[in-house]
Amino acid sequence: MTNALPVTLDDVHDAAARLKGVAHRTPVLRSRTLDALVGAEVFLKCENFQRIGAFKFRGAYNAVSRLSPAQLSRGIAAYSSGNHAQAVALAARELGSTAVILMPEDTPRSKMDATAGYGAEVVTYDRYSGDRVAIGEALAAERGLALIPPYEHPHVIAGQGTAALELVEEAGELDAVLVPVGGGGLIAGSATAAKGLRPGMRVIGVEPEAGDDTKRSLAAGKRVSIPVPRTIADGQAADIPGELTFSINERLVDEIVLVSDDQIREAMRLAFERLKIVIEPSGATPLAALLAGRLERVPPRIGLIVSGGNIGARRFAELCADTPTGR
């Protein structure tokens, strides 16, 4: 099914081999309490335990590790709201290179500090008035750097797909997998892996209500642009799906559901109180969709990609403090 697509199951397996011993094989957690709440067997692939605290390390390392020695010697550029920034910074350091990262000036301080902590130079811009792709490409060209985009790259997509590959390998027969959607790289890689291993598995994306560009695009049959979303799920604040990622997702993704910021907060709180894990807002959207009943029918066995846990203690407390539990 995926042979004609720009990323294949073989590419995901190749990325897995490259990442072996470098990326963490993150745990798949279960909870009887959660199963009882939603009436299904739920398997959480916890990428909040990945290096840099998010799945992004998989794609970044897979892409950076394929650069030539000459490219690595000149350095790497990237643009990101946070997790890809940290991932490229760490991958560059691991491979003896340097990184310059373009980040929105309103990026959570914890993510900006972590990126600098991995040795990267951070350059900021206004996400509401600036075009990060144009600024990033100009920066890379000016300094002679290899640009690694956050999702519009086949090696990045293949790397991200290794999370779903591991989930299916460990959980076995799943009826569906829920995946956060921003630019579309994680779900494109996840769908490639999931459909390649289990063609009948449903792949369901989850977006914040304010950032429903992929849902609109799939409904329209073409990429649709929206105003830059204002949502607590900063990692999903995309205004248009990627061209490469959309070419995959329009063929492999079965459905997109939406969640509110309040539902995201509730999922973060439940994960902390009942599962004892910290999830950032973007990483909590699949759990939010499940808890809020956003699926028309909950399948018997369902996997969730918990994409990351990069959030500072103060911000986490602020978001969860007044969340009604509904229990």
Protein backbone atom coordinates (compact mmCIF):
# COMPACT_ATOMS: atom_id res chain seq x y z
CA MET A 1 0.00 0.00 0.00
CA THR A 2 2.83 2.37 0.83
CA ASN A 3 5.20 1.46 -2.03
CA ALA A 4 4.28 4.53 -4.10
CA LEU A 5 4.58 6.91 -1.15
CA PRO A 6 7.70 9.00 -0.36
CA VAL A 7 8.30 7.05 2.88
CA THR A 8 7.87 3.29 3.18
CA LEU A 9 7.85 0.69 5.93
CA ASP A 10 11.35 -0.29 4.82
CA ASP A 11 12.47 3.30 5.47
CA VAL A 12 11.05 3.12 8.97
CA HIS A 13 12.84 -0.19 9.63
CA ASP A 14 16.06 1.36 8.31
CA ALA A 15 15.63 4.31 10.66
CA ALA A 16 15.04 1.91 13.55
CA ALA A 17 18.33 0.18 12.83
CA ARG A 18 20.14 3.53 12.73
CA LEU A 19 18.54 4.62 16.03
CA LYS A 20 19.25 1.37 17.87
CA GLY A 21 21.41 2.08 20.88
CA VAL A 22 21.09 5.85 20.35
CA ALA A 23 17.40 6.61 20.91
CA HIS A 24 15.59 5.13 23.89
CA ARG A 25 13.11 2.33 23.32
CA THR A 26 10.44 4.06 25.37
CA PRO A 27 8.00 2.17 27.61
CA VAL A 28 4.45 1.22 26.69
CA LEU A 29 2.36 1.85 29.81
CA ARG A 30 -0.95 0.29 30.82
CA SER A 31 -3.49 1.40 33.43
CA ARG A 32 -6.48 -0.58 34.67
CA THR A 33 -8.03 2.69 35.81
CA LEU A 34 -7.74 4.18 32.33
CA ASP A 35 -9.04 1.01 30.69
CA ALA A 36 -12.10 1.14 32.96
CA LEU A 37 -12.70 4.83 32.26
CA VAL A 38 -12.80 4.40 28.48
CA GLY A 39 -13.98 0.80 28.17
CA ALA A 40 -11.00 -0.47 26.16
CA GLU A 41 -7.46 -1.78 26.47
CA VAL A 42 -5.23 1.27 26.15
CA PHE A 43 -1.51 1.20 25.36
CA LEU A 44 0.44 4.43 25.86
CA LYS A 45 3.72 4.77 23.96
CA CYS A 46 5.48 7.19 26.27
CA GLU A 47 7.78 9.37 24.20
CA ASN A 48 7.96 11.75 27.15
CA PHE A 49 10.72 9.35 28.25
CA GLN A 50 12.60 9.73 24.96
CA ARG A 51 15.89 11.65 24.79
CA ILE A 52 15.16 15.41 24.92
CA GLY A 53 11.75 14.45 26.33
CA ALA A 54 9.94 13.94 23.02
CA PHE A 55 9.67 11.78 19.90
CA LYS A 56 11.45 14.43 17.83
CA PHE A 57 14.88 12.99 18.62
CA ARG A 58 14.07 9.98 16.44
CA GLY A 59 13.57 11.94 13.23
CA ALA A 60 16.26 14.51 13.92
CA TYR A 61 18.97 11.93 14.56
CA ASN A 62 17.92 9.81 11.60
CA ALA A 63 18.25 12.84 9.31
CA VAL A 64 21.36 14.44 10.82
CA SER A 65 23.26 11.15 10.92
CA ARG A 66 22.95 10.87 7.13
CA LEU A 67 24.70 14.18 6.43
CA SER A 68 28.16 14.06 4.90
CA PRO A 69 31.26 14.86 7.00
CA ALA A 70 31.58 18.13 5.08
CA GLN A 71 27.99 19.11 5.91
CA LEU A 72 28.46 18.20 9.57
CA SER A 73 31.62 20.30 9.74
CA ARG A 74 29.75 23.39 8.51
CA GLY A 75 26.86 22.95 10.95
CA ILE A 76 23.10 22.47 10.98
CA ALA A 77 20.11 24.80 11.05
CA ALA A 78 16.53 24.12 12.09
CA TYR A 79 13.33 25.96 12.97
CA SER A 80 11.04 24.74 15.71
CA SER A 81 8.66 25.66 18.52
CA GLY A 82 10.76 23.61 20.88
CA ASN A 83 11.06 19.83 20.67
CA HIS A 84 12.60 19.59 17.19
CA ALA A 85 14.94 22.38 18.26
CA GLN A 86 16.21 20.33 21.18
CA ALA A 87 16.36 17.19 19.06
CA VAL A 88 18.51 18.77 16.33
CA ALA A 89 20.72 20.44 18.93
CA LEU A 90 21.36 17.10 20.66
CA ALA A 91 21.80 15.17 17.40
CA ALA A 92 24.32 17.75 16.21
CA ARG A 93 26.25 17.48 19.46
CA GLU A 94 26.19 13.68 19.36
CA LEU A 95 27.61 13.71 15.83
CA GLY A 96 30.28 16.33 16.46
CA SER A 97 28.52 19.19 14.69
CA THR A 98 26.98 22.53 15.74
CA ALA A 99 23.45 23.86 15.45
CA VAL A 100 21.68 27.19 14.97
CA ILE A 101 17.98 27.03 15.85
CA LEU A 102 15.25 29.50 14.92
CA MET A 103 12.54 29.54 17.62
CA PRO A 104 9.38 31.62 18.22
CA GLU A 105 10.04 34.31 20.79
CA ASP A 106 7.07 33.04 22.86
CA THR A 107 8.44 29.49 23.05
CA PRO A 108 8.15 28.15 26.63
CA ARG A 109 11.32 29.14 28.45
CA SER A 110 12.01 25.55 29.50
CA LYS A 111 12.28 24.47 25.83
CA MET A 112 14.43 27.45 24.83
CA ASP A 113 16.81 26.94 27.75
CA ALA A 114 17.07 23.21 27.02
CA THR A 115 17.94 23.91 23.37
CA ALA A 116 20.72 26.28 24.39
CA GLY A 117 21.80 23.76 27.00
CA TYR A 118 22.53 21.22 24.27
CA GLY A 119 24.98 23.72 22.79
CA ALA A 120 22.84 25.34 20.08
CA GLU A 121 22.73 29.00 19.18
CA VAL A 122 19.12 30.20 19.50
CA VAL A 123 17.72 32.88 17.18
CA THR A 124 14.16 34.10 17.84
CA TYR A 125 11.33 35.45 15.66
CA ASP A 126 7.66 36.45 16.00
CA ARG A 127 5.55 33.43 14.98
CA TYR A 128 2.50 35.64 14.34
CA SER A 129 4.17 37.93 11.81
CA GLY A 130 7.23 36.05 10.54
CA ASP A 131 7.51 33.16 8.07
CA ARG A 132 9.72 30.65 9.85
CA VAL A 133 10.42 28.65 6.71
CA ALA A 134 11.63 31.70 4.79
CA ILE A 135 13.63 33.00 7.76
CA GLY A 136 15.13 29.57 8.42
CA GLU A 137 16.07 28.98 4.79
CA ALA A 138 17.69 32.43 4.59
CA LEU A 139 19.62 31.81 7.80
CA ALA A 140 20.88 28.43 6.56
CA ALA A 141 21.89 29.86 3.18
CA GLU A 142 23.68 32.83 4.72
CA ARG A 143 25.76 30.64 7.03
CA GLY A 144 26.16 27.62 4.75
CA LEU A 145 24.30 25.28 7.11
CA ALA A 146 22.41 22.07 6.36
CA LEU A 147 18.73 22.73 7.09
CA ILE A 148 16.78 19.96 8.84
CA PRO A 149 13.06 20.90 8.85
CA PRO A 150 10.77 19.59 11.60
CA TYR A 151 8.63 17.40 9.34
CA GLU A 152 9.09 18.12 5.63
CA HIS A 153 11.87 15.57 5.19
CA PRO A 154 11.60 11.84 4.40
CA HIS A 155 14.32 10.84 6.88
CA VAL A 156 12.62 12.85 9.63
CA ILE A 157 9.26 11.21 8.87
CA ALA A 158 10.80 7.73 8.79
CA GLY A 159 12.50 8.35 12.12
CA GLN A 160 9.28 9.49 13.74
CA GLY A 161 7.58 6.33 12.50
CA THR A 162 9.82 4.19 14.69
CA ALA A 163 7.72 5.11 17.75
CA ALA A 164 4.64 3.47 16.23
CA LEU A 165 6.79 0.59 14.99
CA GLU A 166 7.88 -0.15 18.55
CA LEU A 167 4.34 0.28 19.87
CA VAL A 168 2.93 -2.31 17.49
CA GLU A 169 5.84 -4.68 18.12
CA GLU A 170 5.16 -4.56 21.86
CA ALA A 171 1.36 -4.27 22.02
CA GLY A 172 0.59 -6.67 19.18
CA GLU A 173 -2.75 -6.49 17.39
CA LEU A 174 -4.15 -2.99 17.80
CA ASP A 175 -7.42 -1.83 16.32
CA ALA A 176 -6.39 1.83 16.17
CA VAL A 177 -3.64 4.26 17.07
CA LEU A 178 -4.21 7.89 18.13
CA VAL A 179 -1.48 10.36 17.20
CA PRO A 180 -1.02 14.11 17.83
CA VAL A 181 -0.96 16.19 14.64
CA GLY A 182 1.03 19.39 14.15
CA GLY A 183 2.86 19.65 10.87
CA GLY A 184 2.06 16.00 10.24
CA GLY A 185 5.43 14.28 10.48
CA LEU A 186 4.66 12.07 13.46
CA ILE A 187 1.34 10.85 12.10
CA ALA A 188 2.79 10.37 8.60
CA GLY A 189 5.55 8.17 10.01
CA SER A 190 3.16 6.44 12.41
CA ALA A 191 0.65 5.72 9.64
CA THR A 192 3.41 4.35 7.41
CA ALA A 193 4.51 1.98 10.16
CA ALA A 194 1.04 1.03 11.39
CA LYS A 195 -0.55 0.43 8.00
CA GLY A 196 2.55 -1.37 6.80
CA LEU A 197 2.45 -3.79 9.72
CA ARG A 198 -1.33 -4.04 10.17
CA PRO A 199 -3.21 -2.77 7.09
CA GLY A 200 -6.56 -2.86 8.89
CA MET A 201 -5.47 -0.67 11.79
CA ARG A 202 -7.18 2.73 11.97
CA VAL A 203 -4.89 5.75 12.25
CA ILE A 204 -6.61 8.66 13.97
CA GLY A 205 -5.03 12.08 14.31
CA VAL A 206 -5.79 14.53 17.09
CA GLU A 207 -5.58 18.31 16.75
CA PRO A 208 -6.46 21.18 19.11
CA GLU A 209 -9.70 22.87 18.13
CA ALA A 210 -7.91 26.11 17.33
CA GLY A 211 -5.44 24.33 15.03
CA ASP A 212 -7.57 22.14 12.78
CA ASP A 213 -5.63 22.73 9.56
CA THR A 214 -5.11 19.03 8.83
CA LYS A 215 -8.75 18.15 9.49
CA ARG A 216 -9.85 20.92 7.14
CA SER A 217 -7.28 19.92 4.56
CA LEU A 218 -8.32 16.27 4.50
CA ALA A 219 -11.95 17.32 4.14
CA ALA A 220 -11.08 19.66 1.27
CA GLY A 221 -8.72 17.23 -0.46
CA LYS A 222 -5.97 19.86 -0.50
CA ARG A 223 -3.79 21.76 1.94
CA VAL A 224 -5.76 24.50 3.71
CA SER A 225 -4.16 27.40 5.59
CA ILE A 226 -5.60 28.84 8.79
CA PRO A 227 -4.51 31.73 11.04
CA VAL A 228 -1.65 30.77 13.36
CA PRO A 229 -3.44 28.87 16.17
CA ARG A 230 -3.52 30.16 19.72
CA THR A 231 -3.62 27.07 21.90
CA ILE A 232 -1.83 25.67 24.94
CA ALA A 233 -0.65 22.86 22.62
CA ASP A 234 2.22 24.96 21.25
CA GLY A 235 3.78 21.97 19.51
CA GLN A 236 0.65 21.69 17.37
CA ALA A 237 0.33 25.37 16.45
CA ALA A 238 0.71 24.74 12.71
CA ASP A 239 -1.17 26.91 10.24
CA ILE A 240 -0.96 24.52 7.27
CA PRO A 241 0.01 20.85 6.85
CA GLY A 242 3.36 20.09 5.31
CA GLU A 243 3.29 19.31 1.59
CA LEU A 244 5.22 16.07 1.97
CA THR A 245 3.41 14.98 5.11
CA PHE A 246 0.00 15.73 3.62
CA SER A 247 0.78 13.61 0.57
CA ILE A 248 1.14 10.67 2.96
CA ASN A 249 -1.60 11.52 5.42
CA GLU A 250 -4.32 12.04 2.82
CA ARG A 251 -3.85 8.41 1.81
CA LEU A 252 -3.13 6.71 5.13
CA VAL A 253 -4.92 8.65 7.88
CA ASP A 254 -8.49 7.52 8.54
CA GLU A 255 -9.81 10.38 10.66
CA ILE A 256 -8.92 13.57 12.54
CA VAL A 257 -10.66 14.49 15.80
CA LEU A 258 -10.43 17.74 17.75
CA VAL A 259 -9.99 18.53 21.45
CA SER A 260 -10.37 21.74 23.44
CA ASP A 261 -7.68 23.27 25.61
CA ASP A 262 -9.76 22.38 28.69
CA GLN A 263 -9.89 18.75 27.61
CA ILE A 264 -6.11 18.79 27.12
CA ARG A 265 -5.68 20.15 30.64
CA GLU A 266 -7.87 17.40 32.05
CA ALA A 267 -5.86 14.73 30.26
CA MET A 268 -2.60 16.19 31.61
CA ARG A 269 -4.04 16.14 35.09
CA LEU A 270 -5.32 12.57 34.87
CA ALA A 271 -1.99 11.37 33.49
CA PHE A 272 -0.23 12.98 36.44
CA GLU A 273 -2.64 11.85 39.15
CA ARG A 274 -3.45 8.34 37.93
CA LEU A 275 -0.57 7.31 35.67
CA LYS A 276 2.16 9.29 37.48
CA ILE A 277 3.58 10.75 34.28
CA VAL A 278 4.06 14.35 33.13
CA ILE A 279 2.84 15.13 29.61
CA GLU A 280 3.08 18.44 27.78
CA PRO A 281 -0.14 19.74 26.18
CA SER A 282 0.63 18.49 22.66
CA GLY A 283 1.48 15.05 24.00
CA ALA A 284 -1.79 14.89 25.92
CA THR A 285 -4.14 15.41 22.97
CA PRO A 286 -4.65 11.70 22.13
CA LEU A 287 -5.50 10.95 25.76
CA ALA A 288 -7.78 14.00 25.80
CA ALA A 289 -9.65 12.72 22.75
CA LEU A 290 -10.16 9.34 24.36
CA LEU A 291 -11.31 10.72 27.73
CA ALA A 292 -13.59 13.33 26.17
CA GLY A 293 -15.39 10.78 23.99
CA ARG A 294 -14.26 12.34 20.73
CA LEU A 295 -14.14 8.94 19.03
CA GLU A 296 -17.47 7.81 17.64
CA ARG A 297 -16.65 4.26 18.69
CA VAL A 298 -13.80 3.27 21.00
CA PRO A 299 -12.12 0.16 19.56
CA PRO A 300 -11.29 -2.74 21.91
CA ARG A 301 -7.49 -2.28 21.74
CA ILE A 302 -6.09 1.17 21.10
CA GLY A 303 -2.61 2.66 21.13
CA LEU A 304 -1.74 6.27 21.95
CA ILE A 305 1.45 8.07 21.00
CA VAL A 306 2.26 10.29 23.97
CA SER A 307 4.53 12.55 21.99
CA GLY A 308 6.40 14.43 24.71
CA GLY A 309 6.72 15.78 28.23
CA ASN A 310 8.67 19.01 27.84
CA ILE A 311 6.96 21.44 30.18
CA GLY A 312 8.29 23.38 33.15
CA ALA A 313 6.95 22.76 36.65
CA ARG A 314 5.39 26.21 36.99
CA ARG A 315 3.64 26.03 33.61
CA PHE A 316 2.40 22.51 34.32
CA ALA A 317 0.98 23.62 37.67
CA GLU A 318 -0.70 26.66 36.09
CA LEU A 319 -2.42 24.56 33.44
CA CYS A 320 -3.61 21.85 35.79
CA ALA A 321 -4.44 23.89 38.91
CA ASP A 322 -8.10 24.61 38.26
CA THR A 323 -8.98 21.77 35.91
CA PRO A 324 -12.31 20.15 36.88
CA THR A 325 -11.74 16.41 37.13
CA GLY A 326 -15.23 15.36 36.09
CA ARG A 327 -14.86 12.34 38.36
